[in-house]
């Protein structure tokens, strides 16, 4: 993971992994099920969370509300085993393809996206 300055061309088209953290030091991480391709959750990673994810193979995130690092499933056991990571063109968003060890949402739903908006109201979907 590069920490030096790289050119826009290298960032967008090259082979150097140089994540572009926002002004708060965060990257957006979209988490999808490796097998089903369902979107499970969206969270944020700081540099420490990204480094822990890369070194352990399990998803770690940064809680913006608690201002702390957390490993997904640390208390519930519903960890996310990272199979691969896709990086968008300007390296400010990641897609983590994972094998979940249980529900991904703290509500117990398989995905955090268990409702759809219809005519101004939310309807729960089978999830």
Protein backbone atom coordinates (compact mmCIF):
# COMPACT_ATOMS: atom_id res chain seq x y z
CA UNK A 1 0.00 0.00 0.00
CA UNK A 2 1.68 3.16 -1.22
CA UNK A 3 1.86 6.10 1.15
CA UNK A 4 3.80 8.33 -1.22
CA UNK A 5 2.58 10.75 -3.82
CA UNK A 6 1.59 9.14 -7.10
CA UNK A 7 0.40 10.66 -10.34
CA UNK A 8 -3.30 10.75 -11.20
CA UNK A 9 -2.58 8.45 -14.15
CA UNK A 10 -0.88 5.88 -11.93
CA UNK A 11 -3.72 6.12 -9.35
CA UNK A 12 -6.42 5.64 -12.00
CA UNK A 13 -4.78 3.29 -14.47
CA UNK A 14 -1.65 1.88 -12.89
CA UNK A 15 -0.83 -1.04 -10.63
CA UNK A 16 0.08 0.89 -7.46
CA UNK A 17 -2.40 0.45 -4.61
CA UNK A 18 -2.65 3.96 -3.17
CA UNK A 19 -5.99 4.32 -1.39
CA UNK A 20 -7.38 7.84 -1.41
CA UNK A 21 -8.75 8.54 2.06
CA UNK A 22 -11.15 11.47 2.45
CA UNK A 23 -10.51 14.52 4.64
CA UNK A 24 -11.63 12.45 7.68
CA UNK A 25 -9.17 9.70 6.80
CA UNK A 26 -11.85 7.28 5.58
CA UNK A 27 -12.63 5.11 2.56
CA UNK A 28 -16.07 3.78 1.66
CA UNK A 29 -16.27 -0.03 1.70
CA UNK A 30 -19.13 -1.83 -0.02
CA UNK A 31 -19.43 -5.40 1.23
CA UNK A 32 -20.93 -8.07 -1.03
CA UNK A 33 -21.49 -11.78 -0.62
CA UNK A 34 -18.87 -13.62 -2.66
CA UNK A 35 -21.32 -16.36 -3.71
CA UNK A 36 -24.67 -14.60 -4.15
CA UNK A 37 -23.30 -11.15 -5.10
CA UNK A 38 -25.86 -9.55 -2.74
CA UNK A 39 -24.87 -6.24 -1.17
CA UNK A 40 -24.56 -6.96 2.54
CA UNK A 41 -23.51 -3.64 4.02
CA UNK A 42 -21.66 -0.38 3.49
CA UNK A 43 -19.13 0.82 6.04
CA UNK A 44 -16.00 2.93 6.30
CA UNK A 45 -12.37 2.03 6.76
CA UNK A 46 -9.51 4.12 8.04
CA UNK A 47 -5.90 3.15 7.36
CA UNK A 48 -5.75 0.91 10.45
CA UNK A 49 -8.96 -0.92 9.49
CA UNK A 50 -7.66 -1.48 5.97
CA UNK A 51 -4.30 -2.73 7.21
CA UNK A 52 -5.98 -5.13 9.68
CA UNK A 53 -8.30 -6.39 6.95
CA UNK A 54 -5.36 -7.02 4.63
CA UNK A 55 -3.24 -8.71 7.31
CA UNK A 56 -5.95 -10.89 8.92
CA UNK A 57 -8.29 -11.64 6.00
CA UNK A 58 -11.28 -10.55 8.10
CA UNK A 59 -13.18 -7.29 7.57
CA UNK A 60 -12.39 -4.45 9.96
CA UNK A 61 -14.02 -1.04 9.84
CA UNK A 62 -13.99 2.36 11.49
CA UNK A 63 -17.12 3.45 13.32
CA UNK A 64 -17.87 7.09 12.60
CA UNK A 65 -20.37 7.25 15.48
CA UNK A 66 -18.16 5.55 18.10
CA UNK A 67 -14.88 6.90 16.67
CA UNK A 68 -13.29 3.50 16.99
CA UNK A 69 -11.94 0.56 15.05
CA UNK A 70 -14.04 -2.62 15.00
CA UNK A 71 -13.83 -6.11 13.58
CA UNK A 72 -17.12 -7.21 12.03
CA UNK A 73 -18.45 -10.09 14.10
CA UNK A 74 -16.09 -9.54 17.01
CA UNK A 75 -18.90 -9.96 19.54
CA UNK A 76 -21.56 -11.78 17.49
CA UNK A 77 -19.29 -14.24 15.71
CA UNK A 78 -20.74 -13.11 12.37
CA UNK A 79 -17.37 -12.34 10.81
CA UNK A 80 -16.71 -11.52 7.18
CA UNK A 81 -13.93 -13.53 5.58
CA UNK A 82 -12.54 -11.37 2.78
CA UNK A 83 -12.00 -13.28 -0.47
CA UNK A 84 -10.89 -10.36 -2.59
CA UNK A 85 -10.99 -6.60 -2.78
CA UNK A 86 -11.89 -4.54 -5.83
CA UNK A 87 -10.73 -0.94 -6.03
CA UNK A 88 -12.57 1.77 -7.95
CA UNK A 89 -10.87 3.99 -10.52
CA UNK A 90 -9.77 6.76 -8.16
CA UNK A 91 -9.15 4.39 -5.23
CA UNK A 92 -11.55 6.04 -2.80
CA UNK A 93 -14.03 3.15 -2.62
CA UNK A 94 -13.47 -0.56 -2.11
CA UNK A 95 -15.66 -3.58 -2.75
CA UNK A 96 -14.99 -6.39 -0.31
CA UNK A 97 -16.17 -9.76 -1.60
CA UNK A 98 -16.71 -11.85 1.52
CA UNK A 99 -17.94 -15.12 2.90
CA UNK A 100 -20.18 -14.16 5.83
CA UNK A 101 -20.25 -16.37 8.94
CA UNK A 102 -23.84 -15.34 9.65
CA UNK A 103 -26.14 -12.36 9.24
CA UNK A 104 -24.30 -9.19 8.24
CA UNK A 105 -26.74 -6.71 9.76
CA UNK A 106 -26.88 -5.96 13.48
CA UNK A 107 -30.68 -6.44 13.24
CA UNK A 108 -30.16 -10.12 12.37
CA UNK A 109 -31.00 -9.67 8.69
CA UNK A 110 -28.69 -11.28 6.14
CA UNK A 111 -28.09 -7.86 4.59
CA UNK A 112 -28.43 -4.34 5.94
CA UNK A 113 -30.52 -3.66 2.82
CA UNK A 114 -33.65 -5.52 3.91
CA UNK A 115 -36.21 -2.82 3.00
CA UNK A 116 -37.27 -1.19 -0.25
CA UNK A 117 -38.87 2.19 -0.72
CA UNK A 118 -42.32 1.99 -2.31
CA UNK A 119 -44.63 4.98 -2.63
CA UNK A 120 -42.91 6.84 0.18
CA UNK A 121 -42.90 3.98 2.69
CA UNK A 122 -40.53 1.16 3.51
CA UNK A 123 -41.46 -2.45 2.87
CA UNK A 124 -39.40 -5.31 4.26
CA UNK A 125 -38.13 -7.79 1.70
CA UNK A 126 -37.31 -11.43 2.34
CA UNK A 127 -33.76 -11.30 3.49
